[in-house]
Protein backbone atom coordinates (compact mmCIF):
# COMPACT_ATOMS: atom_id res chain seq x y z
CA MET A 1 13.34 -4.83 -8.56
CA GLY A 2 12.52 -6.42 -5.23
CA ILE A 3 11.77 -4.29 -2.15
CA HIS A 4 11.03 -0.78 -3.14
CA ILE A 5 12.51 1.94 -0.86
CA GLY A 6 11.35 5.51 -1.46
CA LYS A 7 8.27 7.29 -2.66
CA HIS A 8 5.68 5.72 -4.85
CA ASP A 9 2.18 6.28 -6.02
CA ARG A 10 0.85 3.02 -4.62
CA THR A 11 -0.92 1.86 -1.45
CA SER A 12 1.14 1.92 1.75
CA SER A 13 0.74 -1.88 1.89
CA TRP A 14 2.85 -2.36 -1.30
CA ILE A 15 6.29 -3.68 -0.59
CA GLY A 16 7.76 -4.05 -4.03
CA ARG A 17 7.79 -5.88 -7.41
CA PHE A 18 9.58 -9.21 -7.52
CA ASP A 19 10.72 -11.37 -10.46
CA PRO A 20 10.17 -15.07 -9.69
CA GLN A 21 13.09 -15.99 -12.05
CA ASN A 22 15.56 -13.72 -10.17
CA PRO A 23 17.16 -15.51 -7.23
CA ASP A 24 18.05 -12.18 -5.48
CA ASP A 25 14.36 -11.23 -5.62
CA MET A 26 13.34 -14.58 -4.22
CA LEU A 27 15.75 -14.04 -1.32
CA GLU A 28 14.18 -10.73 -0.62
CA TYR A 29 10.73 -12.13 -0.90
CA GLU A 30 11.63 -14.83 1.74
CA MET A 31 13.04 -12.02 3.90
CA VAL A 32 9.71 -10.16 3.75
CA LYS A 33 7.90 -13.26 4.81
CA SER A 34 10.22 -13.93 7.71
CA VAL A 35 9.97 -10.29 8.91
CA VAL A 36 6.25 -10.48 8.85
CA ARG A 37 6.30 -13.86 10.73
CA ALA A 38 8.60 -12.21 13.37
CA CYS A 39 6.26 -9.27 13.76
CA ASN A 40 3.09 -11.32 14.35
CA SER A 41 1.81 -11.41 17.92
CA PRO A 42 -1.38 -12.77 19.53
CA GLN A 43 -2.81 -9.19 19.43
CA GLN A 44 -1.73 -8.03 15.95
CA LYS A 45 -1.24 -10.31 12.92
CA PHE A 46 -0.08 -9.51 9.42
CA ARG A 47 -0.24 -11.44 6.09
CA VAL A 48 1.89 -11.39 2.97
CA GLU A 49 0.01 -11.42 -0.34
CA LYS A 50 1.52 -11.67 -3.80
CA LYS A 51 -0.41 -10.66 -6.93
CA GLY A 52 0.62 -11.76 -10.42
CA ARG A 53 1.57 -9.09 -12.92
CA LYS A 54 2.50 -9.28 -16.59
CA PRO A 55 0.97 -12.63 -17.37
CA THR A 56 2.21 -14.79 -20.18
CA ASN A 57 -1.39 -15.76 -21.27
CA GLY A 58 -3.32 -12.49 -20.73
CA PHE A 59 -5.90 -11.33 -18.24
CA THR A 60 -9.33 -12.52 -17.12
CA TYR A 61 -12.28 -10.24 -17.22
CA PHE A 62 -11.67 -9.29 -13.58
CA GLY A 63 -7.98 -8.38 -14.14
CA ASP A 64 -6.44 -11.61 -12.80
CA CYS A 65 -3.71 -13.55 -14.62
CA ILE A 66 -5.07 -16.47 -16.75
CA GLY A 67 -3.76 -19.62 -15.27
CA GLY A 68 -3.03 -18.01 -11.82
CA ILE A 69 0.20 -16.94 -10.18
CA LYS A 70 2.28 -19.56 -12.01
CA ASN A 71 1.76 -17.74 -15.30
CA ALA A 72 2.76 -14.31 -13.99
CA THR A 73 6.22 -13.04 -14.97
CA LEU A 74 6.31 -10.54 -12.04
CA TRP A 75 4.74 -10.41 -8.60
CA ASP A 76 3.55 -7.36 -6.68
CA VAL A 77 3.89 -8.10 -2.91
CA TYR A 78 1.69 -6.51 -0.25
CA VAL A 79 1.60 -6.71 3.55
CA TYR A 80 -1.89 -6.44 5.09
CA LYS A 81 -3.25 -6.52 8.61
CA ARG A 82 -5.04 -9.86 9.22
CA HIS A 83 -8.57 -9.47 10.58
CA ASP A 84 -9.83 -12.37 12.62
CA LEU A 85 -13.53 -12.60 12.37
CA ASN A 86 -13.87 -14.33 15.70
CA ASN A 87 -12.41 -11.23 17.48
CA ILE A 88 -14.69 -8.58 15.80
CA GLY A 89 -17.52 -8.83 18.20
CA LYS A 90 -15.53 -8.90 21.49
CA GLY A 91 -17.47 -7.14 24.25
CA ARG A 92 -20.81 -7.41 22.35
CA LYS A 93 -23.36 -10.22 22.59
CA ARG A 94 -23.84 -11.65 19.18
CA ILE A 95 -27.39 -12.62 18.09
CA PRO A 96 -27.34 -15.98 16.31
CA TYR A 97 -28.81 -16.00 12.81
CA PRO A 98 -31.67 -16.62 12.36
CA ASP A 99 -32.87 -14.78 15.48
CA PRO A 100 -34.83 -17.46 17.48
CA THR A 101 -37.02 -14.70 19.05
CA TRP A 102 -38.22 -13.43 15.77
CA SER A 103 -41.26 -14.82 13.93
CA GLU A 104 -42.83 -13.69 10.79
CA TYR A 105 -46.15 -13.89 12.54
CA SER A 106 -45.30 -11.61 15.54
């Protein structure tokens, strides 16, 4: 397991499947985190997300592991672009909510 190299039928953000009990997988996971840290810049940021798979206690109604990530026997690791909500409206004047110029009587 660990970092998957080759074709797969998953999203392009998927890095691989890691076993938290395997020390080699944990070294690769730390390597993924350090590479993402090194690639981050003020203009473009990325984040690493791990999702629990094959839980010991079953799944919730929404598909998450019961008991969280600590009860997962495997992790799927993804790298996503980080979207900063403060930079979304650059160049546009944002109207505060509620709009002070609006009145229900106008």
